[in-house]
Amino acid sequence: MKLKISSTLILLLAMWVALPARAANSDHIRRLLDTNTCPSCDLSGANLSGANLSRANLANADLRFANLRNANLSYADLRGANLDGANLSGANLHGARY
């Protein structure tokens, strides 16, 4: 039993170490929050939870694995944006273009 648990823990640790690091460009996050526009920006892995991004221009942005939980993305331009693995639970996507 202990061997099975140890093997599982080792496997999980190896998988975690093998995952690529995801870090958004901090200048891009600042630009988005200051101007509400950041087309083609690297926002992968960004924590934008609860952010008001209504009418934001995020066309072609990299939002992979971004935390957009409870974010307001109403009427945002998300055309061509990569949202793979993004957390959109509770996000307002009313009228968003994608």
PDB file of N, CA and C in Angstrom:
ATOM      1  N   MET A   1       0.821  -1.186   0.000  1.00  0.00           N
ATOM      2  CA  MET A   1       0.000   0.000   0.000  1.00  0.00           C
ATOM      3  C   MET A   1       0.867   1.253   0.000  1.00  0.00           C
ATOM      4  N   LYS A   2       1.924   1.262   0.887  1.00  0.00           N
ATOM      5  CA  LYS A   2       2.811   2.415   0.937  1.00  0.00           C
ATOM      6  C   LYS A   2       3.538   2.598  -0.393  1.00  0.00           C
ATOM      7  N   LEU A   3       3.903   1.496  -1.038  1.00  0.00           N
ATOM      8  CA  LEU A   3       4.591   1.565  -2.326  1.00  0.00           C
ATOM      9  C   LEU A   3       3.683   2.199  -3.377  1.00  0.00           C
ATOM     10  N   LYS A   4       2.408   1.849  -3.353  1.00  0.00           N
ATOM     11  CA  LYS A   4       1.450   2.396  -4.318  1.00  0.00           C
ATOM     12  C   LYS A   4       1.285   3.904  -4.113  1.00  0.00           C
ATOM     13  N   ILE A   5       1.179   4.342  -2.872  1.00  0.00           N
ATOM     14  CA  ILE A   5       1.034   5.772  -2.568  1.00  0.00           C
ATOM     15  C   ILE A   5       2.309   6.513  -2.966  1.00  0.00           C
ATOM     16  N   SER A   6       3.458   5.949  -2.635  1.00  0.00           N
ATOM     17  CA  SER A   6       4.734   6.584  -2.981  1.00  0.00           C
ATOM     18  C   SER A   6       4.890   6.703  -4.491  1.00  0.00           C
ATOM     19  N   SER A   7       4.527   5.659  -5.202  1.00  0.00           N
ATOM     20  CA  SER A   7       4.627   5.680  -6.665  1.00  0.00           C
ATOM     21  C   SER A   7       3.718   6.741  -7.261  1.00  0.00           C
ATOM     22  N   THR A   8       2.530   6.852  -6.712  1.00  0.00           N
ATOM     23  CA  THR A   8       1.584   7.862  -7.191  1.00  0.00           C
ATOM     24  C   THR A   8       2.119   9.267  -6.929  1.00  0.00           C
ATOM     25  N   LEU A   9       2.657   9.499  -5.743  1.00  0.00           N
ATOM     26  CA  LEU A   9       3.205  10.809  -5.409  1.00  0.00           C
ATOM     27  C   LEU A   9       4.386  11.166  -6.314  1.00  0.00           C
ATOM     28  N   ILE A  10       5.245  10.213  -6.570  1.00  0.00           N
ATOM     29  CA  ILE A  10       6.393  10.450  -7.452  1.00  0.00           C
ATOM     30  C   ILE A  10       5.920  10.775  -8.865  1.00  0.00           C
ATOM     31  N   LEU A  11       4.928  10.056  -9.344  1.00  0.00           N
ATOM     32  CA  LEU A  11       4.382  10.316 -10.681  1.00  0.00           C
ATOM     33  C   LEU A  11       3.764  11.708 -10.761  1.00  0.00           C
ATOM     34  N   LEU A  12       2.992  12.088  -9.754  1.00  0.00           N
ATOM     35  CA  LEU A  12       2.378  13.415  -9.738  1.00  0.00           C
ATOM     36  C   LEU A  12       3.425  14.520  -9.668  1.00  0.00           C
ATOM     37  N   LEU A  13       4.461  14.325  -8.878  1.00  0.00           N
ATOM     38  CA  LEU A  13       5.536  15.307  -8.780  1.00  0.00           C
ATOM     39  C   LEU A  13       6.263  15.445 -10.116  1.00  0.00           C
ATOM     40  N   ALA A  14       6.522  14.339 -10.778  1.00  0.00           N
ATOM     41  CA  ALA A  14       7.192  14.383 -12.080  1.00  0.00           C
ATOM     42  C   ALA A  14       6.343  15.116 -13.111  1.00  0.00           C
ATOM     43  N   MET A  15       5.039  14.904 -13.079  1.00  0.00           N
ATOM     44  CA  MET A  15       4.152  15.600 -14.005  1.00  0.00           C
ATOM     45  C   MET A  15       4.136  17.095 -13.718  1.00  0.00           C
ATOM     46  N   TRP A  16       4.124  17.475 -12.444  1.00  0.00           N
ATOM     47  CA  TRP A  16       4.101  18.886 -12.061  1.00  0.00           C
ATOM     48  C   TRP A  16       5.385  19.581 -12.501  1.00  0.00           C
ATOM     49  N   VAL A  17       6.528  18.947 -12.316  1.00  0.00           N
ATOM     50  CA  VAL A  17       7.813  19.518 -12.702  1.00  0.00           C
ATOM     51  C   VAL A  17       7.904  19.656 -14.219  1.00  0.00           C
ATOM     52  N   ALA A  18       7.283  18.743 -14.946  1.00  0.00           N
ATOM     53  CA  ALA A  18       7.367  18.750 -16.401  1.00  0.00           C
ATOM     54  C   ALA A  18       6.464  19.795 -17.048  1.00  0.00           C
ATOM     55  N   LEU A  19       5.526  20.357 -16.292  1.00  0.00           N
ATOM     56  CA  LEU A  19       4.629  21.350 -16.868  1.00  0.00           C
ATOM     57  C   LEU A  19       5.402  22.625 -17.194  1.00  0.00           C
ATOM     58  N   PRO A  20       5.147  23.205 -18.367  1.00  0.00           N
ATOM     59  CA  PRO A  20       5.844  24.448 -18.692  1.00  0.00           C
ATOM     60  C   PRO A  20       5.351  25.588 -17.810  1.00  0.00           C
ATOM     61  N   ALA A  21       6.251  26.483 -17.488  1.00  0.00           N
ATOM     62  CA  ALA A  21       5.872  27.656 -16.688  1.00  0.00           C
ATOM     63  C   ALA A  21       5.014  28.576 -17.541  1.00  0.00           C
ATOM     64  N   ARG A  22       4.008  29.164 -16.935  1.00  0.00           N
ATOM     65  CA  ARG A  22       3.126  30.084 -17.638  1.00  0.00           C
ATOM     66  C   ARG A  22       3.185  31.415 -16.902  1.00  0.00           C
ATOM     67  N   ALA A  23       3.703  32.393 -17.571  1.00  0.00           N
ATOM     68  CA  ALA A  23       3.789  33.708 -16.945  1.00  0.00           C
ATOM     69  C   ALA A  23       3.430  34.776 -17.964  1.00  0.00           C
ATOM     70  N   ALA A  24       2.431  35.532 -17.624  1.00  0.00           N
ATOM     71  CA  ALA A  24       2.006  36.619 -18.496  1.00  0.00           C
ATOM     72  C   ALA A  24       3.053  37.726 -18.479  1.00  0.00           C
ATOM     73  N   ASN A  25       3.062  38.494 -19.531  1.00  0.00           N
ATOM     74  CA  ASN A  25       3.925  39.652 -19.624  1.00  0.00           C
ATOM     75  C   ASN A  25       3.331  40.750 -18.723  1.00  0.00           C
ATOM     76  N   SER A  26       4.054  41.159 -17.686  1.00  0.00           N
ATOM     77  CA  SER A  26       3.513  42.130 -16.723  1.00  0.00           C
ATOM     78  C   SER A  26       3.222  43.482 -17.377  1.00  0.00           C
ATOM     79  N   ASP A  27       3.992  43.865 -18.387  1.00  0.00           N
ATOM     80  CA  ASP A  27       3.716  45.110 -19.111  1.00  0.00           C
ATOM     81  C   ASP A  27       2.387  45.020 -19.855  1.00  0.00           C
ATOM     82  N   HIS A  28       2.090  43.827 -20.376  1.00  0.00           N
ATOM     83  CA  HIS A  28       0.829  43.626 -21.091  1.00  0.00           C
ATOM     84  C   HIS A  28      -0.351  43.687 -20.127  1.00  0.00           C
ATOM     85  N   ILE A  29      -0.195  43.115 -18.942  1.00  0.00           N
ATOM     86  CA  ILE A  29      -1.274  43.173 -17.937  1.00  0.00           C
ATOM     87  C   ILE A  29      -1.536  44.626 -17.559  1.00  0.00           C
ATOM     88  N   ARG A  30      -0.466  45.362 -17.306  1.00  0.00           N
ATOM     89  CA  ARG A  30      -0.595  46.778 -16.934  1.00  0.00           C
ATOM     90  C   ARG A  30      -1.284  47.567 -18.049  1.00  0.00           C
ATOM     91  N   ARG A  31      -0.874  47.316 -19.309  1.00  0.00           N
ATOM     92  CA  ARG A  31      -1.481  48.003 -20.448  1.00  0.00           C
ATOM     93  C   ARG A  31      -2.974  47.705 -20.535  1.00  0.00           C
ATOM     94  N   LEU A  32      -3.339  46.428 -20.357  1.00  0.00           N
ATOM     95  CA  LEU A  32      -4.749  46.048 -20.409  1.00  0.00           C
ATOM     96  C   LEU A  32      -5.554  46.760 -19.324  1.00  0.00           C
ATOM     97  N   LEU A  33      -5.049  46.735 -18.097  1.00  0.00           N
ATOM     98  CA  LEU A  33      -5.791  47.328 -16.987  1.00  0.00           C
ATOM     99  C   LEU A  33      -5.844  48.860 -17.072  1.00  0.00           C
ATOM    100  N   ASP A  34      -4.811  49.474 -17.656  1.00  0.00           N
ATOM    101  CA  ASP A  34      -4.777  50.937 -17.790  1.00  0.00           C
ATOM    102  C   ASP A  34      -5.603  51.462 -18.963  1.00  0.00           C
ATOM    103  N   THR A  35      -5.580  50.715 -20.088  1.00  0.00           N
ATOM    104  CA  THR A  35      -6.191  51.233 -21.318  1.00  0.00           C
ATOM    105  C   THR A  35      -7.387  50.422 -21.808  1.00  0.00           C
ATOM    106  N   ASN A  36      -7.592  49.239 -21.218  1.00  0.00           N
ATOM    107  CA  ASN A  36      -8.673  48.335 -21.629  1.00  0.00           C
ATOM    108  C   ASN A  36      -8.468  47.811 -23.050  1.00  0.00           C
ATOM    109  N   THR A  37      -7.248  47.848 -23.524  1.00  0.00           N
ATOM    110  CA  THR A  37      -6.942  47.304 -24.845  1.00  0.00           C
ATOM    111  C   THR A  37      -5.559  46.667 -24.826  1.00  0.00           C
ATOM    112  N   CYS A  38      -5.488  45.476 -25.382  1.00  0.00           N
ATOM    113  CA  CYS A  38      -4.212  44.773 -25.446  1.00  0.00           C
ATOM    114  C   CYS A  38      -4.297  43.661 -26.493  1.00  0.00           C
ATOM    115  N   PRO A  39      -4.517  44.024 -27.766  1.00  0.00           N
ATOM    116  CA  PRO A  39      -4.589  43.002 -28.804  1.00  0.00           C
ATOM    117  C   PRO A  39      -3.236  42.312 -28.982  1.00  0.00           C
ATOM    118  N   SER A  40      -3.282  41.032 -29.226  1.00  0.00           N
ATOM    119  CA  SER A  40      -2.091  40.196 -29.454  1.00  0.00           C
ATOM    120  C   SER A  40      -1.142  40.156 -28.257  1.00  0.00           C
ATOM    121  N   CYS A  41      -1.612  40.468 -27.081  1.00  0.00           N
ATOM    122  CA  CYS A  41      -0.772  40.467 -25.881  1.00  0.00           C
ATOM    123  C   CYS A  41      -0.599  39.063 -25.314  1.00  0.00           C
ATOM    124  N   ASP A  42       0.492  38.888 -24.568  1.00  0.00           N
ATOM    125  CA  ASP A  42       0.741  37.643 -23.846  1.00  0.00           C
ATOM    126  C   ASP A  42       0.188  37.795 -22.435  1.00  0.00           C
ATOM    127  N   LEU A  43      -0.992  37.244 -22.223  1.00  0.00           N
ATOM    128  CA  LEU A  43      -1.642  37.270 -20.914  1.00  0.00           C
ATOM    129  C   LEU A  43      -1.805  35.854 -20.383  1.00  0.00           C
ATOM    130  N   SER A  44      -1.001  34.939 -20.899  1.00  0.00           N
ATOM    131  CA  SER A  44      -1.114  33.542 -20.481  1.00  0.00           C
ATOM    132  C   SER A  44      -0.789  33.410 -19.005  1.00  0.00           C
ATOM    133  N   GLY A  45      -1.684  32.755 -18.287  1.00  0.00           N
ATOM    134  CA  GLY A  45      -1.506  32.527 -16.862  1.00  0.00           C
ATOM    135  C   GLY A  45      -1.796  33.749 -15.994  1.00  0.00           C
ATOM    136  N   ALA A  46      -2.252  34.842 -16.580  1.00  0.00           N
ATOM    137  CA  ALA A  46      -2.513  36.063 -15.811  1.00  0.00           C
ATOM    138  C   ALA A  46      -3.680  35.875 -14.851  1.00  0.00           C
ATOM    139  N   ASN A  47      -3.587  36.514 -13.702  1.00  0.00           N
ATOM    140  CA  ASN A  47      -4.696  36.506 -12.744  1.00  0.00           C
ATOM    141  C   ASN A  47      -5.510  37.770 -12.972  1.00  0.00           C
ATOM    142  N   LEU A  48      -6.602  37.633 -13.712  1.00  0.00           N
ATOM    143  CA  LEU A  48      -7.509  38.738 -14.003  1.00  0.00           C
ATOM    144  C   LEU A  48      -8.868  38.483 -13.362  1.00  0.00           C
ATOM    145  N   SER A  49      -8.847  37.739 -12.282  1.00  0.00           N
ATOM    146  CA  SER A  49     -10.068  37.390 -11.572  1.00  0.00           C
ATOM    147  C   SER A  49     -10.790  38.650 -11.108  1.00  0.00           C
ATOM    148  N   GLY A  50     -12.065  38.750 -11.466  1.00  0.00           N
ATOM    149  CA  GLY A  50     -12.897  39.874 -11.047  1.00  0.00           C
ATOM    150  C   GLY A  50     -12.627  41.178 -11.784  1.00  0.00           C
ATOM    151  N   ALA A  51     -11.745  41.163 -12.762  1.00  0.00           N
ATOM    152  CA  ALA A  51     -11.398  42.398 -13.481  1.00  0.00           C
ATOM    153  C   ALA A  51     -12.566  42.887 -14.337  1.00  0.00           C
ATOM    154  N   ASN A  52     -12.700  44.200 -14.432  1.00  0.00           N
ATOM    155  CA  ASN A  52     -13.703  44.792 -15.314  1.00  0.00           C
ATOM    156  C   ASN A  52     -13.062  45.006 -16.676  1.00  0.00           C
ATOM    157  N   LEU A  53     -13.325  44.088 -17.594  1.00  0.00           N
ATOM    158  CA  LEU A  53     -12.773  44.137 -18.942  1.00  0.00           C
ATOM    159  C   LEU A  53     -13.884  44.333 -19.961  1.00  0.00           C
ATOM    160  N   SER A  54     -14.938  44.993 -19.535  1.00  0.00           N
ATOM    161  CA  SER A  54     -16.052  45.270 -20.434  1.00  0.00           C
ATOM    162  C   SER A  54     -15.548  46.110 -21.604  1.00  0.00           C
ATOM    163  N   ARG A  55     -15.894  45.670 -22.810  1.00  0.00           N
ATOM    164  CA  ARG A  55     -15.514  46.337 -24.064  1.00  0.00           C
ATOM    165  C   ARG A  55     -14.007  46.335 -24.324  1.00  0.00           C
ATOM    166  N   ALA A  56     -13.268  45.474 -23.634  1.00  0.00           N
ATOM    167  CA  ALA A  56     -11.818  45.390 -23.840  1.00  0.00           C
ATOM    168  C   ALA A  56     -11.505  44.815 -25.215  1.00  0.00           C
ATOM    169  N   ASN A  57     -10.410  45.289 -25.792  1.00  0.00           N
ATOM    170  CA  ASN A  57      -9.920  44.741 -27.052  1.00  0.00           C
ATOM    171  C   ASN A  57      -8.849  43.715 -26.715  1.00  0.00           C
ATOM    172  N   LEU A  58      -9.218  42.453 -26.817  1.00  0.00           N
ATOM    173  CA  LEU A  58      -8.312  41.339 -26.549  1.00  0.00           C
ATOM    174  C   LEU A  58      -8.175  40.440 -27.780  1.00  0.00           C
ATOM    175  N   ALA A  59      -8.373  41.025 -28.944  1.00  0.00           N
ATOM    176  CA  ALA A  59      -8.278  40.256 -30.191  1.00  0.00           C
ATOM    177  C   ALA A  59      -6.889  39.628 -30.301  1.00  0.00           C
ATOM    178  N   ASN A  60      -6.860  38.351 -30.618  1.00  0.00           N
ATOM    179  CA  ASN A  60      -5.627  37.579 -30.819  1.00  0.00           C
ATOM    180  C   ASN A  60      -4.729  37.509 -29.580  1.00  0.00           C
ATOM    181  N   ALA A  61      -5.254  37.827 -28.404  1.00  0.00           N
ATOM    182  CA  ALA A  61      -4.459  37.760 -27.176  1.00  0.00           C
ATOM    183  C   ALA A  61      -4.268  36.311 -26.743  1.00  0.00           C
ATOM    184  N   ASP A  62      -3.149  36.049 -26.091  1.00  0.00           N
ATOM    185  CA  ASP A  62      -2.868  34.732 -25.533  1.00  0.00           C
ATOM    186  C   ASP A  62      -3.354  34.718 -24.092  1.00  0.00           C
ATOM    187  N   LEU A  63      -4.499  34.092 -23.873  1.00  0.00           N
ATOM    188  CA  LEU A  63      -5.111  34.009 -22.542  1.00  0.00           C
ATOM    189  C   LEU A  63      -5.112  32.578 -22.015  1.00  0.00           C
ATOM    190  N   ARG A  64      -4.201  31.753 -22.535  1.00  0.00           N
ATOM    191  CA  ARG A  64      -4.137  30.365 -22.075  1.00  0.00           C
ATOM    192  C   ARG A  64      -3.888  30.320 -20.570  1.00  0.00           C
ATOM    193  N   PHE A  65      -4.698  29.544 -19.881  1.00  0.00           N
ATOM    194  CA  PHE A  65      -4.599  29.310 -18.437  1.00  0.00           C
ATOM    195  C   PHE A  65      -4.743  30.592 -17.608  1.00  0.00           C
ATOM    196  N   ALA A  66      -5.310  31.640 -18.187  1.00  0.00           N
ATOM    197  CA  ALA A  66      -5.560  32.867 -17.430  1.00  0.00           C
ATOM    198  C   ALA A  66      -6.723  32.639 -16.472  1.00  0.00           C
ATOM    199  N   ASN A  67      -6.669  33.302 -15.332  1.00  0.00           N
ATOM    200  CA  ASN A  67      -7.763  33.239 -14.366  1.00  0.00           C
ATOM    201  C   ASN A  67      -8.686  34.420 -14.631  1.00  0.00           C
ATOM    202  N   LEU A  68      -9.809  34.153 -15.281  1.00  0.00           N
ATOM    203  CA  LEU A  68     -10.803  35.171 -15.609  1.00  0.00           C
ATOM    204  C   LEU A  68     -12.079  34.942 -14.814  1.00  0.00           C
ATOM    205  N   ARG A  69     -11.954  34.253 -13.695  1.00  0.00           N
ATOM    206  CA  ARG A  69     -13.104  33.935 -12.848  1.00  0.00           C
ATOM    207  C   ARG A  69     -13.790  35.235 -12.409  1.00  0.00           C
ATOM    208  N   ASN A  70     -15.100  35.311 -12.630  1.00  0.00           N
ATOM    209  CA  ASN A  70     -15.931  36.465 -12.264  1.00  0.00           C
ATOM    210  C   ASN A  70     -15.518  37.770 -12.943  1.00  0.00           C
ATOM    211  N   ALA A  71     -14.741  37.682 -14.022  1.00  0.00           N
ATOM    212  CA  ALA A  71     -14.355  38.888 -14.767  1.00  0.00           C
ATOM    213  C   ALA A  71     -15.529  39.356 -15.615  1.00  0.00           C
ATOM    214  N   ASN A  72     -15.609  40.659 -15.830  1.00  0.00           N
ATOM    215  CA  ASN A  72     -16.631  41.222 -16.707  1.00  0.00           C
ATOM    216  C   ASN A  72     -16.025  41.390 -18.094  1.00  0.00           C
ATOM    217  N   LEU A  73     -16.383  40.488 -19.002  1.00  0.00           N
ATOM    218  CA  LEU A  73     -15.907  40.526 -20.384  1.00  0.00           C
ATOM    219  C   LEU A  73     -17.050  40.881 -21.335  1.00  0.00           C
ATOM    220  N   SER A  74     -18.072  41.551 -20.817  1.00  0.00           N
ATOM    221  CA  SER A  74     -19.212  41.891 -21.670  1.00  0.00           C
ATOM    222  C   SER A  74     -18.746  42.811 -22.803  1.00  0.00           C
ATOM    223  N   TYR A  75     -19.171  42.469 -23.984  1.00  0.00           N
ATOM    224  CA  TYR A  75     -18.867  43.205 -25.215  1.00  0.00           C
ATOM    225  C   TYR A  75     -17.376  43.282 -25.530  1.00  0.00           C
ATOM    226  N   ALA A  76     -16.574  42.429 -24.913  1.00  0.00           N
ATOM    227  CA  ALA A  76     -15.141  42.400 -25.202  1.00  0.00           C
ATOM    228  C   ALA A  76     -14.904  41.763 -26.572  1.00  0.00           C
ATOM    229  N   ASP A  77     -13.832  42.189 -27.221  1.00  0.00           N
ATOM    230  CA  ASP A  77     -13.427  41.612 -28.501  1.00  0.00           C
ATOM    231  C   ASP A  77     -12.419  40.511 -28.211  1.00  0.00           C
ATOM    232  N   LEU A  78     -12.865  39.269 -28.310  1.00  0.00           N
ATOM    233  CA  LEU A  78     -12.028  38.102 -28.047  1.00  0.00           C
ATOM    234  C   LEU A  78     -11.749  37.312 -29.323  1.00  0.00           C
ATOM    235  N   ARG A  79     -11.974  37.942 -30.478  1.00  0.00           N
ATOM    236  CA  ARG A  79     -11.777  37.227 -31.746  1.00  0.00           C
ATOM    237  C   ARG A  79     -10.316  36.820 -31.896  1.00  0.00           C
ATOM    238  N   GLY A  80     -10.111  35.544 -32.128  1.00  0.00           N
ATOM    239  CA  GLY A  80      -8.779  34.995 -32.321  1.00  0.00           C
ATOM    240  C   GLY A  80      -8.003  34.790 -31.033  1.00  0.00           C
ATOM    241  N   ALA A  81      -8.577  35.132 -29.893  1.00  0.00           N
ATOM    242  CA  ALA A  81      -7.883  34.954 -28.610  1.00  0.00           C
ATOM    243  C   ALA A  81      -7.796  33.467 -28.274  1.00  0.00           C
ATOM    244  N   ASN A  82      -6.693  33.076 -27.673  1.00  0.00           N
ATOM    245  CA  ASN A  82      -6.497  31.689 -27.254  1.00  0.00           C
ATOM    246  C   ASN A  82      -6.908  31.589 -25.790  1.00  0.00           C
ATOM    247  N   LEU A  83      -8.011  30.900 -25.532  1.00  0.00           N
ATOM    248  CA  LEU A  83      -8.558  30.749 -24.189  1.00  0.00           C
ATOM    249  C   LEU A  83      -8.399  29.324 -23.656  1.00  0.00           C
ATOM    250  N   ASP A  84      -7.513  28.547 -24.263  1.00  0.00           N
ATOM    251  CA  ASP A  84      -7.305  27.169 -23.819  1.00  0.00           C
ATOM    252  C   ASP A  84      -6.913  27.134 -22.344  1.00  0.00           C
ATOM    253  N   GLY A  85      -7.654  26.384 -21.561  1.00  0.00           N
ATOM    254  CA  GLY A  85      -7.355  26.205 -20.145  1.00  0.00           C
ATOM    255  C   GLY A  85      -7.701  27.396 -19.268  1.00  0.00           C
ATOM    256  N   ALA A  86      -8.267  28.449 -19.841  1.00  0.00           N
ATOM    257  CA  ALA A  86      -8.622  29.633 -19.046  1.00  0.00           C
ATOM    258  C   ALA A  86      -9.795  29.317 -18.124  1.00  0.00           C
ATOM    259  N   ASN A  87      -9.785  29.921 -16.943  1.00  0.00           N
ATOM    260  CA  ASN A  87     -10.882  29.765 -15.994  1.00  0.00           C
ATOM    261  C   ASN A  87     -11.878  30.896 -16.251  1.00  0.00           C
ATOM    262  N   LEU A  88     -13.014  30.559 -16.838  1.00  0.00           N
ATOM    263  CA  LEU A  88     -14.055  31.530 -17.162  1.00  0.00           C
ATOM    264  C   LEU A  88     -15.289  31.354 -16.278  1.00  0.00           C
ATOM    265  N   SER A  89     -15.158  30.616 -15.178  1.00  0.00           N
ATOM    266  CA  SER A  89     -16.330  30.385 -14.336  1.00  0.00           C
ATOM    267  C   SER A  89     -16.806  31.695 -13.723  1.00  0.00           C
ATOM    268  N   GLY A  90     -18.088  31.944 -13.896  1.00  0.00           N
ATOM    269  CA  GLY A  90     -18.700  33.153 -13.374  1.00  0.00           C
ATOM    270  C   GLY A  90     -18.422  34.398 -14.192  1.00  0.00           C
ATOM    271  N   ALA A  91     -17.676  34.271 -15.276  1.00  0.00           N
ATOM    272  CA  ALA A  91     -17.350  35.440 -16.108  1.00  0.00           C
ATOM    273  C   ALA A  91     -18.585  35.888 -16.891  1.00  0.00           C
ATOM    274  N   ASN A  92     -18.710  37.191 -17.066  1.00  0.00           N
ATOM    275  CA  ASN A  92     -19.797  37.764 -17.859  1.00  0.00           C
ATOM    276  C   ASN A  92     -19.299  37.912 -19.287  1.00  0.00           C
ATOM    277  N   LEU A  93     -19.844  37.104 -20.188  1.00  0.00           N
ATOM    278  CA  LEU A  93     -19.449  37.127 -21.591  1.00  0.00           C
ATOM    279  C   LEU A  93     -20.579  37.668 -22.477  1.00  0.00           C
ATOM    280  N   HIS A  94     -21.535  38.346 -21.876  1.00  0.00           N
ATOM    281  CA  HIS A  94     -22.680  38.877 -22.631  1.00  0.00           C
ATOM    282  C   HIS A  94     -22.184  39.823 -23.723  1.00  0.00           C
ATOM    283  N   GLY A  95     -22.545  39.523 -24.947  1.00  0.00           N
ATOM    284  CA  GLY A  95     -22.217  40.375 -26.081  1.00  0.00           C
ATOM    285  C   GLY A  95     -20.776  40.311 -26.529  1.00  0.00           C
ATOM    286  N   ALA A  96     -19.966  39.448 -25.909  1.00  0.00           N
ATOM    287  CA  ALA A  96     -18.555  39.334 -26.306  1.00  0.00           C
ATOM    288  C   ALA A  96     -18.461  38.746 -27.702  1.00  0.00           C
ATOM    289  N   ARG A  97     -17.465  39.227 -28.442  1.00  0.00           N
ATOM    290  CA  ARG A  97     -17.221  38.705 -29.791  1.00  0.00           C
ATOM    291  C   ARG A  97     -16.042  37.741 -29.715  1.00  0.00           C
ATOM    292  N   TYR A  98     -16.286  36.512 -30.218  1.00  0.00           N
ATOM    293  CA  TYR A  98     -15.223  35.506 -30.228  1.00  0.00           C
ATOM    294  C   TYR A  98     -15.369  34.592 -31.403  1.00  0.00           C
TER     295      TYR A  98
END
